[in-house]
Structures are given as C-alpha cells and as structure tokens.
C-alpha cells in the first residue's frame, strides 16, 4: 500500500486534482530535498537539480502503477541510480 503521508505521494495527488498552489509548494519542497540528496553524491549543483527534476517527473508518471509501493524509497533509489550513472560517465 502506498504511504499516504509520503511527500512524493502528496505531490502526485495534488497534481492529479490540479490544486496548483499546493502542488507548487509540494514540488518546491520535494525538488529542494531531492536536489540536496543528489548534491551529496555529485559536485555539480546544476546536474543535481536536473536529476532531481527528472526523478520527480518519472515518479509522477509511475505512481498509478501498483508496483510503486513506497514513493519515498522509489524516488531515492532512482535518484541514486541516476547520480551513479552520471558519475560513471564522467
């Protein structure tokens, strides 16, 4: 079951009901936290912001999928994989 208290689940939920003020507040918080996480693995703020943005977009498209049981863990794992791929390519 999805964690209804997950910040990422709330972001998806607000996006689906088109509550723009709440959506943007949640997006800003999610993006900031995820960028900080990515920055802990990378030394490039711009790349960390892009990876965080891409991860949030992927999560938004995947949350209806029942395979995403824990949005917090899913997005952290995705961001970590993307950061590792970026490091390996550098």
Protein backbone atom coordinates (compact mmCIF):
# COMPACT_ATOMS: atom_id res chain seq x y z
CA UNK A 1 0.00 0.00 0.00
CA UNK A 2 1.22 3.48 -0.82
CA UNK A 3 2.22 5.68 2.08
CA UNK A 4 -0.43 8.39 2.08
CA UNK A 5 1.85 10.60 4.18
CA UNK A 6 4.73 10.49 1.71
CA UNK A 7 5.64 13.94 0.43
CA UNK A 8 6.02 12.42 -3.05
CA UNK A 9 2.60 10.77 -2.90
CA UNK A 10 1.08 14.08 -1.80
CA UNK A 11 2.82 15.82 -4.70
CA UNK A 12 1.33 13.32 -7.15
CA UNK A 13 -2.11 13.56 -5.54
CA UNK A 14 -2.19 17.36 -5.71
CA UNK A 15 -1.02 17.23 -9.33
CA UNK A 16 -3.88 14.93 -10.26
CA UNK A 17 -6.53 17.19 -8.73
CA UNK A 18 -4.97 20.33 -10.21
CA UNK A 19 -4.60 22.23 -6.96
CA UNK A 20 -1.79 24.41 -8.32
CA UNK A 21 -0.83 26.43 -5.21
CA UNK A 22 -0.44 23.30 -3.10
CA UNK A 23 1.20 21.43 -5.98
CA UNK A 24 3.86 24.11 -6.43
CA UNK A 25 4.58 24.26 -2.71
CA UNK A 26 4.99 20.49 -2.59
CA UNK A 27 7.06 20.48 -5.79
CA UNK A 28 9.40 23.14 -4.42
CA UNK A 29 9.89 21.18 -1.22
CA UNK A 30 10.40 17.86 -3.00
CA UNK A 31 12.76 19.31 -5.56
CA UNK A 32 14.85 21.09 -2.93
CA UNK A 33 15.17 17.98 -0.76
CA UNK A 34 15.93 15.71 -3.70
CA UNK A 35 18.46 18.18 -5.15
CA UNK A 36 20.25 18.25 -1.79
CA UNK A 37 20.33 14.46 -1.77
CA UNK A 38 21.74 14.35 -5.32
CA UNK A 39 24.27 17.05 -4.46
CA UNK A 40 25.58 14.83 -1.66
CA UNK A 41 26.70 12.41 -4.39
CA UNK A 42 27.68 14.93 -7.06
CA UNK A 43 29.75 18.12 -7.03
CA UNK A 44 27.65 19.86 -9.64
CA UNK A 45 24.57 21.76 -8.47
CA UNK A 46 23.14 22.12 -11.97
CA UNK A 47 23.35 18.38 -12.66
CA UNK A 48 21.87 17.59 -9.23
CA UNK A 49 18.88 19.87 -9.98
CA UNK A 50 18.31 18.23 -13.37
CA UNK A 51 18.47 14.72 -11.91
CA UNK A 52 16.02 15.70 -9.15
CA UNK A 53 13.64 17.16 -11.72
CA UNK A 54 13.83 14.08 -13.95
CA UNK A 55 13.26 11.76 -10.98
CA UNK A 56 10.17 13.70 -9.90
CA UNK A 57 8.77 13.58 -13.43
CA UNK A 58 9.34 9.82 -13.61
CA UNK A 59 7.66 9.34 -10.26
CA UNK A 60 4.66 11.40 -11.37
CA UNK A 61 4.22 9.11 -14.36
CA UNK A 62 4.67 5.92 -12.30
CA UNK A 63 2.59 6.45 -9.17
CA UNK A 64 -0.55 4.95 -10.68
CA UNK A 65 1.44 1.78 -11.18
CA UNK A 66 0.82 -0.60 -8.30
CA UNK A 67 4.49 -1.60 -8.36
CA UNK A 68 5.41 1.70 -6.67
CA UNK A 69 4.59 0.72 -3.11
CA UNK A 70 6.84 3.24 -1.37
CA UNK A 71 7.25 6.51 -3.31
CA UNK A 72 9.95 7.82 -0.95
CA UNK A 73 12.20 4.79 -1.40
CA UNK A 74 11.42 4.55 -5.12
CA UNK A 75 12.46 8.12 -5.89
CA UNK A 76 15.57 7.98 -3.68
CA UNK A 77 16.68 4.78 -5.42
CA UNK A 78 16.01 6.30 -8.84
CA UNK A 79 17.93 9.48 -8.00
CA UNK A 80 20.83 7.44 -6.61
CA UNK A 81 20.98 5.32 -9.79
CA UNK A 82 20.93 8.45 -11.96
CA UNK A 83 23.71 10.03 -9.90
CA UNK A 84 25.80 6.85 -10.12
CA UNK A 85 25.29 6.74 -13.89
CA UNK A 86 26.38 10.37 -14.14
CA UNK A 87 29.50 9.66 -12.05
CA UNK A 88 30.38 6.64 -14.19
CA UNK A 89 30.00 8.68 -17.38
CA UNK A 90 32.26 11.47 -16.11
